[in-house]
């Protein structure tokens, strides 16, 4: 089954035309120690894309640096007001207030409104240099997203915004090369069952266990499992 999938992708004209190479690239530069989920996030705007039937032209990408969890939001306008509303309602109200936000110096991110929100919530700002965008992890996600959206827009123009959550799911669910854990496990405490698991049902390959990041994540994983067990017991009793 895996071989069939590989051969299909290799023979797909759209995949070869739009998708970037998977050759190894440098990891995003870490500007400080990242030890908890949703304490450091990267935020970035993509577009213009083909206008959809719902008049969406831009894409807001937000990535948690610890879990690599990705959130995607289609936008009609990429204004500071739209982005600030999403940051508060969809990120802060769901995952809590981050300690750091990493972005480029686009006008939306250096606006008075965005700076005021960050100042009021004690969020530290960090900016990527124009010549070093790889510092922002969301830039890495953008490469994958652009290829996927270009393929879909070519086949069904005007509907790419309706497929965003499927695209986000495909980015979140694979195990990360450096830790062997998925974003859902580190963010939610469990791995999701995906349709392909039901078809292939093969074990995940081993990952290198001699890296500091791998060891730290495994410690976090052990503590997470213990905390979940204690919490579940408390919930059952009350």
Protein backbone atom coordinates (compact mmCIF):
# COMPACT_ATOMS: atom_id res chain seq x y z
CA UNK A 1 0.00 0.00 0.00
CA UNK A 2 2.77 2.46 0.90
CA UNK A 3 4.56 1.66 -2.35
CA UNK A 4 1.36 2.26 -4.32
CA UNK A 5 0.87 5.65 -2.63
CA UNK A 6 4.49 6.61 -3.32
CA UNK A 7 4.22 5.62 -6.97
CA UNK A 8 0.97 7.57 -7.35
CA UNK A 9 2.49 10.74 -5.91
CA UNK A 10 5.57 10.36 -8.09
CA UNK A 11 3.38 10.10 -11.19
CA UNK A 12 1.08 13.01 -10.25
CA UNK A 13 1.79 15.93 -12.60
CA UNK A 14 0.36 18.53 -10.20
CA UNK A 15 2.47 17.22 -7.32
CA UNK A 16 5.65 17.44 -9.35
CA UNK A 17 4.73 20.88 -10.69
CA UNK A 18 3.85 22.65 -7.45
CA UNK A 19 5.39 20.82 -4.50
CA UNK A 20 8.83 21.81 -3.25
CA UNK A 21 11.60 19.31 -2.74
CA UNK A 22 11.87 17.46 0.55
CA UNK A 23 15.62 17.86 0.66
CA UNK A 24 16.84 18.60 4.20
CA UNK A 25 16.84 22.26 5.17
CA UNK A 26 18.06 24.12 8.20
CA UNK A 27 15.73 24.07 11.18
CA UNK A 28 14.16 27.35 12.30
CA UNK A 29 16.53 29.32 14.47
CA UNK A 30 15.46 29.25 18.11
CA UNK A 31 15.88 32.62 19.76
CA UNK A 32 15.11 31.38 23.28
CA UNK A 33 14.30 28.18 25.16
CA UNK A 34 10.89 26.74 24.26
CA UNK A 35 9.61 24.37 26.94
CA UNK A 36 5.79 24.58 26.90
CA UNK A 37 2.98 24.49 24.34
CA UNK A 38 1.60 27.79 23.09
CA UNK A 39 4.15 29.96 24.86
CA UNK A 40 5.91 30.83 21.60
CA UNK A 41 4.00 31.17 18.34
CA UNK A 42 4.87 32.25 14.82
CA UNK A 43 2.39 34.24 12.76
CA UNK A 44 2.49 34.96 9.05
CA UNK A 45 0.26 36.12 6.17
CA UNK A 46 0.10 34.44 2.77
CA UNK A 47 -1.50 35.78 -0.40
CA UNK A 48 -2.84 36.96 -2.69
CA UNK A 49 -4.53 33.70 -3.63
CA UNK A 50 -7.31 33.32 -6.22
CA UNK A 51 -10.45 34.92 -4.79
CA UNK A 52 -12.88 32.31 -3.51
CA UNK A 53 -16.66 32.29 -3.72
CA UNK A 54 -16.66 33.71 -0.19
CA UNK A 55 -14.27 36.49 -1.25
CA UNK A 56 -11.29 35.09 0.66
CA UNK A 57 -7.90 36.06 -0.76
CA UNK A 58 -5.41 35.80 2.10
CA UNK A 59 -4.32 33.10 4.51
CA UNK A 60 -3.25 33.66 8.11
CA UNK A 61 -0.88 30.96 9.39
CA UNK A 62 -0.20 30.54 13.12
CA UNK A 63 2.19 27.86 14.41
CA UNK A 64 3.00 26.81 17.96
CA UNK A 65 6.75 26.30 18.20
CA UNK A 66 6.65 23.56 20.84
CA UNK A 67 4.03 21.20 19.42
CA UNK A 68 4.27 22.35 15.76
CA UNK A 69 0.46 22.67 15.83
CA UNK A 70 -0.84 24.71 12.89
CA UNK A 71 -3.93 26.93 12.72
CA UNK A 72 -5.14 28.30 9.37
CA UNK A 73 -7.58 31.14 8.73
CA UNK A 74 -8.80 32.40 5.35
CA UNK A 75 -9.22 36.18 5.18
CA UNK A 76 -10.97 38.64 2.92
CA UNK A 77 -8.65 41.40 4.08
CA UNK A 78 -5.31 41.08 5.83
CA UNK A 79 -5.79 44.05 8.15
CA UNK A 80 -4.51 44.49 11.69
CA UNK A 81 -8.09 44.41 12.98
CA UNK A 82 -8.88 41.06 11.34
CA UNK A 83 -5.64 39.51 12.59
CA UNK A 84 -6.02 40.90 16.11
CA UNK A 85 -9.55 39.47 16.35
CA UNK A 86 -8.35 36.02 15.28
CA UNK A 87 -5.38 36.14 17.63
CA UNK A 88 -7.62 36.89 20.60
CA UNK A 89 -10.74 34.84 19.79
CA UNK A 90 -9.18 31.78 18.15
CA UNK A 91 -5.75 31.51 19.78
CA UNK A 92 -5.68 33.24 23.16
CA UNK A 93 -9.22 32.19 24.14
CA UNK A 94 -8.42 28.61 23.12
CA UNK A 95 -4.79 28.05 24.12
CA UNK A 96 -3.96 30.92 26.46
CA UNK A 97 -1.75 33.99 26.21
CA UNK A 98 1.61 33.32 24.53
CA UNK A 99 4.81 34.63 25.99
CA UNK A 100 6.37 35.37 22.59
CA UNK A 101 5.00 36.14 19.13
CA UNK A 102 7.38 35.90 16.20
CA UNK A 103 6.45 37.65 12.95
CA UNK A 104 7.89 39.68 10.13
CA UNK A 105 7.65 43.46 10.21
CA UNK A 106 4.60 43.69 7.97
CA UNK A 107 2.32 46.68 8.59
CA UNK A 108 -0.31 44.52 10.30
CA UNK A 109 2.19 43.31 12.91
CA UNK A 110 3.74 46.69 13.69
CA UNK A 111 0.41 48.53 13.83
CA UNK A 112 -0.66 50.43 16.93
CA UNK A 113 -3.57 48.00 17.49
CA UNK A 114 -1.44 44.86 17.37
CA UNK A 115 1.28 46.39 19.55
CA UNK A 116 -1.31 47.57 22.07
CA UNK A 117 -2.83 44.09 22.40
CA UNK A 118 0.60 42.56 22.96
CA UNK A 119 1.56 45.23 25.47
CA UNK A 120 -1.66 44.83 27.46
CA UNK A 121 -1.12 41.06 27.70
CA UNK A 122 2.64 41.19 28.34
CA UNK A 123 3.39 39.40 25.07
CA UNK A 124 6.98 39.83 23.92
CA UNK A 125 7.49 40.63 20.25
CA UNK A 126 10.26 39.18 18.11
CA UNK A 127 10.73 39.99 14.45
CA UNK A 128 12.37 38.02 11.66
CA UNK A 129 14.93 39.70 9.48
CA UNK A 130 13.90 40.19 5.86
CA UNK A 131 16.94 38.20 4.76
CA UNK A 132 16.31 35.39 7.26
CA UNK A 133 12.60 34.42 7.09
CA UNK A 134 13.40 30.82 8.11
CA UNK A 135 13.57 32.08 11.69
CA UNK A 136 9.77 32.04 11.67
CA UNK A 137 8.47 28.46 11.73
CA UNK A 138 5.28 29.50 9.94
CA UNK A 139 7.43 30.27 6.88
CA UNK A 140 8.23 26.55 6.63
CA UNK A 141 4.54 25.70 6.80
CA UNK A 142 3.87 28.26 4.07
CA UNK A 143 5.89 26.34 1.50
CA UNK A 144 3.77 23.23 1.97
CA UNK A 145 0.53 25.19 2.05
CA UNK A 146 1.26 27.19 -1.08
CA UNK A 147 1.88 24.03 -3.08
CA UNK A 148 -1.31 22.39 -1.79
CA UNK A 149 -3.47 25.47 -2.37
CA UNK A 150 -2.02 26.00 -5.85
CA UNK A 151 -2.90 22.41 -6.76
CA UNK A 152 -6.43 22.70 -5.42
CA UNK A 153 -7.01 26.15 -6.94
CA UNK A 154 -5.96 24.79 -10.32
CA UNK A 155 -8.50 21.97 -10.13
CA UNK A 156 -11.38 23.81 -8.44
CA UNK A 157 -10.87 27.58 -8.60
CA UNK A 158 -12.56 29.61 -5.91
CA UNK A 159 -12.96 26.84 -3.33
CA UNK A 160 -9.54 26.50 -1.67
CA UNK A 161 -10.74 28.17 1.54
CA UNK A 162 -13.23 25.35 2.15
CA UNK A 163 -10.37 22.83 2.24
CA UNK A 164 -8.19 24.60 4.80
CA UNK A 165 -9.01 22.38 7.77
CA UNK A 166 -8.20 19.29 5.72
CA UNK A 167 -4.86 20.85 4.82
CA UNK A 168 -4.22 21.73 8.47
CA UNK A 169 -4.99 18.15 9.46
CA UNK A 170 -2.46 16.75 7.00
CA UNK A 171 0.22 19.05 8.42
CA UNK A 172 -0.56 18.33 12.09
CA UNK A 173 -0.86 14.55 12.06
CA UNK A 174 2.51 13.18 10.82
CA UNK A 175 5.10 12.34 13.48
CA UNK A 176 7.89 14.90 13.57
CA UNK A 177 11.33 13.73 12.45
CA UNK A 178 13.10 15.08 15.53
CA UNK A 179 10.77 13.75 18.25
CA UNK A 180 8.64 10.91 16.77
CA UNK A 181 5.57 12.58 18.32
CA UNK A 182 2.66 14.21 16.55
CA UNK A 183 1.38 17.72 17.14
CA UNK A 184 -2.00 16.42 18.41
CA UNK A 185 -0.31 14.25 21.03
CA UNK A 186 1.82 17.09 22.37
CA UNK A 187 -1.08 19.53 22.21
CA UNK A 188 -4.03 17.34 23.25
CA UNK A 189 -2.45 14.35 24.94
CA UNK A 190 -3.45 11.71 22.38
CA UNK A 191 -2.90 10.80 18.75
CA UNK A 192 -5.86 11.01 16.37
CA UNK A 193 -6.91 8.00 14.33
CA UNK A 194 -6.61 8.93 10.68
CA UNK A 195 -8.30 7.10 7.78
CA UNK A 196 -4.98 5.84 6.43
CA UNK A 197 -4.27 4.09 9.75
CA UNK A 198 -7.32 1.90 9.20
CA UNK A 199 -6.02 0.87 5.77
CA UNK A 200 -2.30 0.41 6.35
CA UNK A 201 -2.16 -0.43 10.07
CA UNK A 202 1.63 -0.47 10.12
CA UNK A 203 3.89 0.62 13.02
CA UNK A 204 5.58 4.00 12.95
CA UNK A 205 9.32 3.67 12.18
CA UNK A 206 11.89 4.34 14.89
CA UNK A 207 13.34 7.83 15.25
CA UNK A 208 16.80 8.86 16.46
CA UNK A 209 16.87 8.96 20.25
CA UNK A 210 20.20 10.68 20.84
CA UNK A 211 19.15 14.28 20.22
CA UNK A 212 18.46 16.73 23.10
CA UNK A 213 15.09 17.66 21.59
CA UNK A 214 14.01 14.01 21.45
CA UNK A 215 14.99 13.42 25.09
CA UNK A 216 13.23 16.58 26.26
CA UNK A 217 10.03 15.69 24.40
CA UNK A 218 10.05 12.18 25.87
CA UNK A 219 10.32 13.65 29.37
CA UNK A 220 7.43 15.96 28.56
CA UNK A 221 5.47 13.01 27.16
CA UNK A 222 5.98 10.97 30.34
CA UNK A 223 4.89 13.87 32.54
CA UNK A 224 1.91 14.52 30.28
CA UNK A 225 0.77 10.89 30.55
CA UNK A 226 1.06 11.03 34.34
CA UNK A 227 -0.85 14.31 34.58
CA UNK A 228 -3.59 12.98 32.31
CA UNK A 229 -4.01 9.90 34.47
CA UNK A 230 -4.32 11.99 37.64
CA UNK A 231 -6.77 14.38 35.98
CA UNK A 232 -8.95 11.61 34.53
CA UNK A 233 -9.13 9.94 37.94
CA UNK A 234 -10.21 13.22 39.54
CA UNK A 235 -12.88 13.79 36.87
CA UNK A 236 -14.27 10.27 37.31
CA UNK A 237 -14.52 10.75 41.07
CA UNK A 238 -16.26 14.13 40.80
